[in-house]
Each structure stands twice: as C-alpha cells, then as structure tokens.
Amino acid sequence: MRAQLAKILDVATLENVSVGVVPWFAAVSTLPLHGFALYDQSAVTVETFSNEFLLEDEHEVAIYRQTFAAFREVGLFGERMRELVSQIAQDYDDWPNRS
C-alpha cells in the first residue's frame, strides 16, 4: 500500500494529470459498485470482477459523467490531496507500532 500511495503522489506531479482523492469522511451521493474510466466524455469502460465493458450510449455515459462529477465535487486536489495521501502513508507506517 505504501508503494501505491507513493505512486499516486508521483503521478500527481505530471503536468497533464489531475489527481483527486475522495476522503473517507466525505459525504457522497452515490457509491459505484465497480470501477470505471471515462474517455473524452464520449465513452466509459466499466470493470467488473469477470469482465470489462465499453459503453458508448449517450445516456449511459451521462450517468457515469454525473457520478464522476459528484466525486470530483467532494474530492481533494493539489496540496490538500498530497497532505491526505501523505497522512495515510504515515498511518500505514505507524500501524505496527499501535498498541
């Protein structure tokens, strides 16, 4: 997990990348039951345990755009995101030392 968190911080430094993190304490309007990726606002790949689907129907893509917008609204970006990810990494480092 520590290496994954470090990679998030590393990728966030790229000029063409925007990384946001939704903190556990954020109130969200929906929780997706699977992973998805938006492509140029016109297509979505949906990942399930057993398959991956490409959705291009305008109505279906709109649902995922709305879901993504809801997460973006409560997500942390920039310095606030880096602080949160760094704190989570520190929590993992401290985990074995907890009584």
Foldseek 3Di string as FASTA:
>chain_A
DLVVLVVLVVVCVDPVDWDWDQDPPDDFPDDDPFDKDDDPLQWMWTDDPPDIDIDRPNVVSVVVVVRVVRRVVRIDTDPVRNVVSVVVSVCVVCVVVDD
